[in-house]
N, C-alpha and C. Protein backbone atom coordinates (compact mmCIF):
# COMPACT_ATOMS: atom_id res chain seq x y z
N MET A 1 -5.09 11.39 -16.90
CA MET A 1 -5.32 10.27 -16.01
C MET A 1 -4.08 9.39 -16.02
N PRO A 2 -3.59 8.96 -14.84
CA PRO A 2 -2.40 8.13 -14.80
C PRO A 2 -2.68 6.74 -15.36
N SER A 3 -1.68 6.13 -15.98
CA SER A 3 -1.85 4.77 -16.47
C SER A 3 -1.52 3.80 -15.34
N LEU A 4 -2.19 2.64 -15.37
CA LEU A 4 -2.06 1.66 -14.30
C LEU A 4 -1.79 0.30 -14.91
N ASN A 5 -0.69 -0.33 -14.52
CA ASN A 5 -0.37 -1.69 -14.93
C ASN A 5 -0.38 -2.55 -13.69
N ILE A 6 -1.14 -3.67 -13.71
CA ILE A 6 -1.32 -4.51 -12.53
C ILE A 6 -0.74 -5.89 -12.77
N LYS A 7 -0.07 -6.41 -11.75
CA LYS A 7 0.46 -7.77 -11.77
C LYS A 7 0.01 -8.44 -10.49
N GLN A 8 -0.62 -9.61 -10.62
CA GLN A 8 -1.04 -10.34 -9.43
C GLN A 8 -0.25 -11.62 -9.34
N THR A 9 0.33 -11.85 -8.19
CA THR A 9 1.07 -13.09 -7.94
C THR A 9 0.42 -13.75 -6.73
N THR A 10 -0.67 -14.45 -6.98
CA THR A 10 -1.43 -15.10 -5.92
C THR A 10 -1.77 -16.49 -6.39
N PRO A 11 -1.69 -17.50 -5.60
CA PRO A 11 -1.18 -17.46 -4.24
C PRO A 11 0.34 -17.50 -4.21
N THR A 12 0.90 -17.13 -3.09
CA THR A 12 2.34 -17.25 -2.93
C THR A 12 2.64 -18.63 -2.37
N SER A 13 3.88 -19.02 -2.41
CA SER A 13 4.26 -20.33 -1.88
C SER A 13 4.88 -20.19 -0.50
N ASN A 14 4.59 -21.14 0.34
CA ASN A 14 5.17 -21.19 1.68
C ASN A 14 5.97 -22.47 1.79
N ILE A 15 7.13 -22.38 2.39
CA ILE A 15 7.94 -23.58 2.59
C ILE A 15 7.63 -24.13 3.97
N VAL A 16 7.20 -25.39 3.99
CA VAL A 16 6.87 -26.07 5.24
C VAL A 16 7.79 -27.28 5.33
N GLY A 17 8.76 -27.23 6.24
CA GLY A 17 9.74 -28.31 6.32
C GLY A 17 10.46 -28.45 5.00
N ASP A 18 10.49 -29.67 4.45
CA ASP A 18 11.13 -29.90 3.16
C ASP A 18 10.14 -29.83 2.01
N THR A 19 8.87 -29.59 2.31
CA THR A 19 7.83 -29.62 1.30
C THR A 19 7.37 -28.21 0.99
N MET A 20 7.15 -27.92 -0.29
CA MET A 20 6.62 -26.63 -0.65
C MET A 20 5.11 -26.77 -0.78
N ALA A 21 4.37 -25.92 -0.05
CA ALA A 21 2.91 -25.95 -0.10
C ALA A 21 2.40 -24.60 -0.58
N SER A 22 1.35 -24.62 -1.37
CA SER A 22 0.76 -23.39 -1.87
C SER A 22 -0.38 -22.99 -0.96
N SER A 23 -0.44 -21.72 -0.62
CA SER A 23 -1.50 -21.21 0.23
C SER A 23 -2.36 -20.26 -0.56
N THR A 24 -3.67 -20.47 -0.53
CA THR A 24 -4.57 -19.55 -1.19
C THR A 24 -4.92 -18.38 -0.28
N LEU A 25 -4.38 -18.37 0.92
CA LEU A 25 -4.67 -17.30 1.86
C LEU A 25 -3.72 -16.12 1.73
N THR A 26 -2.52 -16.35 1.23
CA THR A 26 -1.54 -15.28 1.11
C THR A 26 -1.48 -14.81 -0.34
N GLY A 27 -1.15 -13.57 -0.51
CA GLY A 27 -1.08 -13.05 -1.87
C GLY A 27 -0.28 -11.78 -1.96
N LYS A 28 -0.05 -11.38 -3.19
CA LYS A 28 0.72 -10.18 -3.48
C LYS A 28 0.17 -9.56 -4.75
N LEU A 29 -0.17 -8.28 -4.68
CA LEU A 29 -0.61 -7.53 -5.85
C LEU A 29 0.40 -6.43 -6.09
N GLU A 30 0.71 -6.18 -7.35
CA GLU A 30 1.64 -5.11 -7.71
C GLU A 30 1.01 -4.27 -8.81
N ALA A 31 1.21 -2.97 -8.73
CA ALA A 31 0.70 -2.07 -9.74
C ALA A 31 1.70 -0.95 -9.98
N ASP A 32 1.86 -0.56 -11.23
CA ASP A 32 2.70 0.57 -11.60
C ASP A 32 1.79 1.69 -12.10
N VAL A 33 2.01 2.88 -11.58
CA VAL A 33 1.21 4.04 -11.97
C VAL A 33 2.15 5.14 -12.44
N ASP A 34 1.91 5.65 -13.65
CA ASP A 34 2.68 6.78 -14.18
C ASP A 34 2.11 8.06 -13.59
N ILE A 35 2.98 8.93 -13.07
CA ILE A 35 2.55 10.21 -12.52
C ILE A 35 3.42 11.33 -13.10
N LYS A 36 2.96 12.56 -12.96
CA LYS A 36 3.70 13.72 -13.46
C LYS A 36 4.72 14.24 -12.45
N ALA A 37 4.52 13.98 -11.16
CA ALA A 37 5.41 14.49 -10.12
C ALA A 37 6.75 13.76 -10.13
N SER A 38 7.74 14.39 -9.55
CA SER A 38 9.05 13.75 -9.40
C SER A 38 8.96 12.70 -8.29
N PRO A 39 9.89 11.73 -8.26
CA PRO A 39 9.90 10.76 -7.17
C PRO A 39 9.98 11.43 -5.80
N GLU A 40 10.80 12.47 -5.71
CA GLU A 40 10.99 13.16 -4.42
C GLU A 40 9.70 13.85 -3.98
N GLN A 41 8.97 14.45 -4.92
CA GLN A 41 7.71 15.13 -4.58
C GLN A 41 6.67 14.13 -4.07
N PHE A 42 6.54 13.00 -4.76
CA PHE A 42 5.55 12.01 -4.37
C PHE A 42 5.91 11.40 -3.01
N HIS A 43 7.18 11.05 -2.83
CA HIS A 43 7.62 10.48 -1.56
C HIS A 43 7.39 11.47 -0.42
N GLU A 44 7.72 12.72 -0.65
CA GLU A 44 7.52 13.77 0.36
C GLU A 44 6.04 13.84 0.77
N MET A 45 5.15 13.73 -0.21
CA MET A 45 3.72 13.79 0.10
C MET A 45 3.31 12.62 1.00
N PHE A 46 3.70 11.39 0.65
CA PHE A 46 3.29 10.24 1.45
C PHE A 46 4.00 10.19 2.80
N ALA A 47 5.24 10.60 2.85
CA ALA A 47 5.99 10.53 4.11
C ALA A 47 5.66 11.67 5.06
N HIS A 48 5.43 12.88 4.52
CA HIS A 48 5.28 14.05 5.38
C HIS A 48 3.93 14.75 5.28
N LYS A 49 3.21 14.55 4.18
CA LYS A 49 1.94 15.26 3.97
C LYS A 49 0.86 14.32 3.44
N PRO A 50 0.63 13.18 4.08
CA PRO A 50 -0.34 12.23 3.53
C PRO A 50 -1.77 12.78 3.48
N HIS A 51 -2.04 13.82 4.24
CA HIS A 51 -3.37 14.43 4.21
C HIS A 51 -3.62 15.15 2.88
N HIS A 52 -2.61 15.26 2.01
CA HIS A 52 -2.76 15.87 0.69
C HIS A 52 -3.08 14.84 -0.39
N VAL A 53 -3.22 13.58 -0.02
CA VAL A 53 -3.49 12.51 -0.99
C VAL A 53 -4.88 12.71 -1.59
N HIS A 54 -5.10 12.18 -2.80
CA HIS A 54 -6.28 12.48 -3.64
C HIS A 54 -7.64 12.21 -3.00
N HIS A 55 -8.67 12.42 -3.79
CA HIS A 55 -10.06 12.49 -3.35
C HIS A 55 -10.62 11.25 -2.67
N LYS A 56 -10.15 10.06 -2.94
CA LYS A 56 -10.71 8.87 -2.30
C LYS A 56 -10.23 8.73 -0.85
N ILE A 57 -9.23 9.49 -0.50
CA ILE A 57 -8.77 9.55 0.88
C ILE A 57 -9.47 10.75 1.52
N GLN A 58 -10.28 10.48 2.51
CA GLN A 58 -11.05 11.55 3.14
C GLN A 58 -10.27 12.21 4.27
N GLY A 59 -9.31 11.51 4.83
CA GLY A 59 -8.53 12.10 5.90
C GLY A 59 -7.37 11.22 6.29
N CYS A 60 -6.36 11.85 6.85
CA CYS A 60 -5.18 11.13 7.35
C CYS A 60 -4.68 11.90 8.56
N ASP A 61 -4.86 11.31 9.72
CA ASP A 61 -4.50 11.97 10.97
C ASP A 61 -3.30 11.29 11.60
N LEU A 62 -2.41 12.10 12.11
CA LEU A 62 -1.26 11.59 12.86
C LEU A 62 -1.76 11.11 14.21
N HIS A 63 -1.55 9.84 14.49
CA HIS A 63 -1.98 9.25 15.76
C HIS A 63 -0.84 9.26 16.77
N GLU A 64 0.38 8.98 16.26
CA GLU A 64 1.54 8.88 17.14
C GLU A 64 2.81 9.01 16.31
N GLY A 65 3.82 9.69 16.86
CA GLY A 65 5.12 9.77 16.20
C GLY A 65 5.30 11.04 15.41
N GLU A 66 6.39 11.04 14.62
CA GLU A 66 6.78 12.19 13.82
C GLU A 66 6.71 11.83 12.34
N ARG A 67 5.97 12.64 11.57
CA ARG A 67 5.82 12.36 10.13
C ARG A 67 7.18 12.16 9.47
N GLY A 68 7.23 11.18 8.56
CA GLY A 68 8.45 10.89 7.82
C GLY A 68 9.40 9.94 8.55
N LYS A 69 9.00 9.45 9.72
CA LYS A 69 9.87 8.58 10.52
C LYS A 69 9.27 7.18 10.65
N VAL A 70 10.12 6.18 10.81
CA VAL A 70 9.68 4.82 11.09
C VAL A 70 9.00 4.82 12.46
N GLY A 71 7.92 4.07 12.56
CA GLY A 71 7.19 3.94 13.82
C GLY A 71 5.99 4.86 13.93
N ILE A 72 5.87 5.82 13.04
CA ILE A 72 4.71 6.71 13.07
C ILE A 72 3.44 5.87 12.87
N ILE A 73 2.38 6.27 13.54
CA ILE A 73 1.08 5.63 13.37
C ILE A 73 0.11 6.67 12.82
N VAL A 74 -0.51 6.32 11.69
CA VAL A 74 -1.47 7.22 11.04
C VAL A 74 -2.83 6.55 10.94
N HIS A 75 -3.86 7.36 10.99
CA HIS A 75 -5.23 6.88 10.88
C HIS A 75 -5.83 7.43 9.60
N TRP A 76 -6.19 6.53 8.67
CA TRP A 76 -6.72 6.92 7.36
C TRP A 76 -8.23 6.75 7.35
N SER A 77 -8.93 7.67 6.73
CA SER A 77 -10.35 7.54 6.40
C SER A 77 -10.42 7.59 4.88
N TYR A 78 -11.10 6.62 4.28
CA TYR A 78 -11.12 6.53 2.83
C TYR A 78 -12.42 5.90 2.36
N VAL A 79 -12.68 5.96 1.07
CA VAL A 79 -13.85 5.33 0.47
C VAL A 79 -13.36 4.17 -0.39
N HIS A 80 -13.94 2.99 -0.14
CA HIS A 80 -13.59 1.80 -0.92
C HIS A 80 -14.88 1.08 -1.27
N ASP A 81 -15.08 0.81 -2.53
CA ASP A 81 -16.30 0.16 -3.01
C ASP A 81 -17.55 0.93 -2.56
N GLY A 82 -17.44 2.27 -2.54
CA GLY A 82 -18.57 3.12 -2.19
C GLY A 82 -18.88 3.23 -0.71
N LYS A 83 -18.04 2.64 0.14
CA LYS A 83 -18.30 2.67 1.58
C LYS A 83 -17.16 3.38 2.31
N ALA A 84 -17.52 4.13 3.35
CA ALA A 84 -16.52 4.78 4.19
C ALA A 84 -15.79 3.72 4.99
N LYS A 85 -14.47 3.80 5.00
CA LYS A 85 -13.63 2.82 5.71
C LYS A 85 -12.58 3.56 6.52
N LYS A 86 -11.96 2.81 7.44
CA LYS A 86 -10.89 3.37 8.27
C LYS A 86 -9.76 2.35 8.36
N ALA A 87 -8.55 2.87 8.54
CA ALA A 87 -7.38 2.01 8.73
C ALA A 87 -6.39 2.74 9.62
N LYS A 88 -5.81 2.01 10.55
CA LYS A 88 -4.70 2.54 11.33
C LYS A 88 -3.46 1.78 10.88
N GLU A 89 -2.43 2.54 10.50
CA GLU A 89 -1.23 1.92 9.94
C GLU A 89 0.01 2.43 10.66
N VAL A 90 1.00 1.55 10.75
CA VAL A 90 2.31 1.93 11.27
C VAL A 90 3.28 1.96 10.09
N VAL A 91 4.12 2.96 10.05
CA VAL A 91 5.15 3.03 9.01
C VAL A 91 6.31 2.16 9.46
N GLU A 92 6.61 1.11 8.68
CA GLU A 92 7.68 0.17 9.04
C GLU A 92 9.02 0.52 8.41
N ALA A 93 9.00 1.22 7.28
CA ALA A 93 10.24 1.56 6.59
C ALA A 93 10.07 2.87 5.85
N VAL A 94 11.09 3.70 5.89
CA VAL A 94 11.14 4.94 5.13
C VAL A 94 12.56 5.09 4.61
N ASP A 95 12.70 5.26 3.30
CA ASP A 95 14.01 5.49 2.72
C ASP A 95 13.90 6.63 1.71
N PRO A 96 14.19 7.88 2.16
CA PRO A 96 14.06 9.01 1.25
C PRO A 96 15.03 8.96 0.06
N ASP A 97 16.17 8.29 0.21
CA ASP A 97 17.11 8.17 -0.91
C ASP A 97 16.55 7.31 -2.03
N LYS A 98 15.75 6.30 -1.68
CA LYS A 98 15.15 5.41 -2.68
C LYS A 98 13.69 5.74 -2.93
N ASN A 99 13.16 6.77 -2.22
CA ASN A 99 11.75 7.15 -2.35
C ASN A 99 10.84 5.96 -2.09
N PHE A 100 11.07 5.32 -0.95
CA PHE A 100 10.40 4.08 -0.56
C PHE A 100 9.75 4.25 0.81
N ILE A 101 8.54 3.70 0.97
CA ILE A 101 7.87 3.72 2.27
C ILE A 101 7.01 2.45 2.39
N THR A 102 6.95 1.88 3.59
CA THR A 102 6.14 0.70 3.86
C THR A 102 5.18 0.99 5.00
N PHE A 103 3.90 0.67 4.78
CA PHE A 103 2.86 0.79 5.79
C PHE A 103 2.33 -0.60 6.14
N ARG A 104 2.11 -0.88 7.43
CA ARG A 104 1.44 -2.12 7.86
C ARG A 104 0.15 -1.73 8.55
N VAL A 105 -0.96 -2.30 8.09
CA VAL A 105 -2.26 -2.04 8.71
C VAL A 105 -2.30 -2.78 10.04
N ILE A 106 -2.67 -2.06 11.12
CA ILE A 106 -2.72 -2.68 12.44
C ILE A 106 -4.13 -2.68 13.04
N GLU A 107 -5.02 -1.85 12.50
CA GLU A 107 -6.41 -1.81 12.95
C GLU A 107 -7.27 -1.31 11.79
N GLY A 108 -8.59 -1.57 11.90
CA GLY A 108 -9.51 -1.01 10.93
C GLY A 108 -10.25 -2.06 10.13
N ASP A 109 -10.96 -1.59 9.12
CA ASP A 109 -11.84 -2.45 8.33
C ASP A 109 -11.10 -3.60 7.65
N LEU A 110 -9.88 -3.38 7.17
CA LEU A 110 -9.13 -4.45 6.50
C LEU A 110 -8.83 -5.62 7.45
N MET A 111 -8.70 -5.35 8.73
CA MET A 111 -8.38 -6.40 9.69
C MET A 111 -9.58 -7.31 9.96
N GLU A 112 -10.75 -6.95 9.44
CA GLU A 112 -11.92 -7.83 9.55
C GLU A 112 -11.83 -8.97 8.54
N GLU A 113 -10.97 -8.80 7.50
CA GLU A 113 -10.84 -9.82 6.45
C GLU A 113 -9.43 -10.36 6.28
N TYR A 114 -8.45 -9.61 6.78
CA TYR A 114 -7.05 -10.00 6.57
C TYR A 114 -6.31 -10.12 7.88
N LYS A 115 -5.52 -11.18 7.99
CA LYS A 115 -4.66 -11.38 9.16
C LYS A 115 -3.52 -10.37 9.13
N SER A 116 -3.00 -10.11 7.94
CA SER A 116 -1.95 -9.09 7.78
C SER A 116 -2.15 -8.40 6.45
N PHE A 117 -1.73 -7.12 6.41
CA PHE A 117 -1.87 -6.34 5.20
C PHE A 117 -0.77 -5.28 5.19
N VAL A 118 0.10 -5.33 4.18
CA VAL A 118 1.23 -4.42 4.07
C VAL A 118 1.20 -3.77 2.70
N ALA A 119 1.40 -2.44 2.68
CA ALA A 119 1.49 -1.70 1.42
C ALA A 119 2.87 -1.07 1.32
N MET A 120 3.53 -1.30 0.19
CA MET A 120 4.85 -0.73 -0.07
C MET A 120 4.76 0.18 -1.29
N ILE A 121 5.41 1.33 -1.20
CA ILE A 121 5.40 2.31 -2.28
C ILE A 121 6.85 2.64 -2.64
N LEU A 122 7.22 2.42 -3.90
CA LEU A 122 8.55 2.73 -4.40
C LEU A 122 8.37 3.63 -5.62
N VAL A 123 8.99 4.81 -5.60
CA VAL A 123 8.83 5.77 -6.69
C VAL A 123 10.16 5.93 -7.42
N SER A 124 10.11 5.78 -8.75
CA SER A 124 11.32 5.87 -9.58
C SER A 124 11.09 6.86 -10.71
N PRO A 125 12.16 7.54 -11.12
CA PRO A 125 12.00 8.46 -12.26
C PRO A 125 11.78 7.66 -13.54
N LYS A 126 11.03 8.25 -14.47
CA LYS A 126 10.89 7.63 -15.79
C LYS A 126 12.22 7.74 -16.51
N SER A 127 12.51 6.79 -17.37
CA SER A 127 13.79 6.80 -18.05
C SER A 127 13.84 7.81 -19.19
N LYS A 128 12.73 8.07 -19.87
CA LYS A 128 12.75 8.95 -21.04
C LYS A 128 12.04 10.27 -20.81
N ASP A 129 10.89 10.24 -20.15
CA ASP A 129 10.07 11.43 -19.98
C ASP A 129 10.24 11.99 -18.58
N SER A 130 9.66 13.18 -18.38
CA SER A 130 9.61 13.70 -17.02
C SER A 130 8.51 12.95 -16.28
N GLY A 131 8.51 13.05 -14.97
CA GLY A 131 7.53 12.32 -14.17
C GLY A 131 8.15 11.08 -13.56
N SER A 132 7.29 10.24 -13.03
CA SER A 132 7.75 9.07 -12.27
C SER A 132 6.83 7.88 -12.48
N ILE A 133 7.32 6.75 -12.02
CA ILE A 133 6.51 5.53 -11.94
C ILE A 133 6.43 5.15 -10.47
N VAL A 134 5.19 5.04 -9.97
CA VAL A 134 4.96 4.61 -8.60
C VAL A 134 4.67 3.12 -8.64
N HIS A 135 5.51 2.33 -7.98
CA HIS A 135 5.32 0.88 -7.90
C HIS A 135 4.69 0.56 -6.55
N TRP A 136 3.45 0.12 -6.58
CA TRP A 136 2.71 -0.26 -5.39
C TRP A 136 2.77 -1.78 -5.23
N THR A 137 3.03 -2.24 -4.02
CA THR A 137 2.99 -3.67 -3.71
C THR A 137 2.11 -3.86 -2.49
N LEU A 138 1.10 -4.71 -2.63
CA LEU A 138 0.24 -5.07 -1.51
C LEU A 138 0.49 -6.53 -1.19
N GLU A 139 0.93 -6.80 0.03
CA GLU A 139 1.12 -8.18 0.49
C GLU A 139 0.14 -8.42 1.63
N TYR A 140 -0.53 -9.58 1.58
CA TYR A 140 -1.61 -9.80 2.53
C TYR A 140 -1.78 -11.28 2.83
N GLU A 141 -2.46 -11.54 3.95
CA GLU A 141 -2.90 -12.88 4.30
C GLU A 141 -4.35 -12.79 4.72
N LYS A 142 -5.20 -13.49 3.98
CA LYS A 142 -6.64 -13.49 4.27
C LYS A 142 -6.92 -14.35 5.51
N LEU A 143 -8.02 -14.03 6.19
CA LEU A 143 -8.41 -14.81 7.36
C LEU A 143 -8.93 -16.19 6.97
N HIS A 144 -9.58 -16.31 5.81
CA HIS A 144 -10.08 -17.60 5.33
C HIS A 144 -10.31 -17.52 3.82
N ASP A 145 -10.58 -18.68 3.20
CA ASP A 145 -10.74 -18.75 1.74
C ASP A 145 -11.95 -18.00 1.22
N GLY A 146 -12.92 -17.68 2.07
CA GLY A 146 -14.11 -16.96 1.63
C GLY A 146 -13.87 -15.48 1.37
N ILE A 147 -12.69 -14.98 1.70
CA ILE A 147 -12.34 -13.58 1.51
C ILE A 147 -11.76 -13.40 0.11
N ALA A 148 -12.22 -12.37 -0.58
CA ALA A 148 -11.70 -12.09 -1.93
C ALA A 148 -10.30 -11.49 -1.84
N HIS A 149 -9.53 -11.68 -2.89
CA HIS A 149 -8.25 -11.00 -3.00
C HIS A 149 -8.55 -9.51 -3.21
N PRO A 150 -7.69 -8.61 -2.73
CA PRO A 150 -8.04 -7.18 -2.65
C PRO A 150 -7.76 -6.36 -3.92
N GLU A 151 -8.06 -6.91 -5.10
CA GLU A 151 -7.80 -6.16 -6.34
C GLU A 151 -8.50 -4.81 -6.35
N THR A 152 -9.70 -4.74 -5.76
CA THR A 152 -10.45 -3.47 -5.82
C THR A 152 -9.77 -2.37 -4.99
N LEU A 153 -8.87 -2.72 -4.09
CA LEU A 153 -8.13 -1.69 -3.36
C LEU A 153 -7.21 -0.89 -4.28
N LEU A 154 -6.89 -1.45 -5.43
CA LEU A 154 -6.03 -0.72 -6.37
C LEU A 154 -6.74 0.50 -6.95
N GLN A 155 -8.06 0.62 -6.71
CA GLN A 155 -8.78 1.84 -7.10
C GLN A 155 -8.23 3.05 -6.35
N LEU A 156 -7.62 2.80 -5.20
CA LEU A 156 -7.11 3.89 -4.36
C LEU A 156 -5.76 4.40 -4.82
N VAL A 157 -5.06 3.67 -5.70
CA VAL A 157 -3.70 4.10 -6.09
C VAL A 157 -3.74 5.09 -7.22
């Protein structure tokens, strides 16, 4: 089983004019996951073969574009908190040299609670052992204070 280290930096600060104001609507979650695959193998899977992602992902369909390229739109079906969910995401950044990819959610269940939701994946080799560390970053803005921060989404990583 991969190990998971989580860091939450919520709320983030927003600069308004000359005054710094704290917003409880915006947030950032980070998690590091140790995996056995190389950075290149993991990046290749997310960039070109996302339909091979583990059991909590029920499907990943290409909606528009070419896999592995910026601008691609993918439609994910997944299980979160025991419920079937859907998300349509656009890939905003892909860097195969750094094993980095950024997804922005543009439609789906998350948009019922969040104004914006971005997931970034950076994969680095371990310094001593074989395998890699996957650094996940979730940046989001909730629609209102009654929405929980999305810690439970880290079950999917």
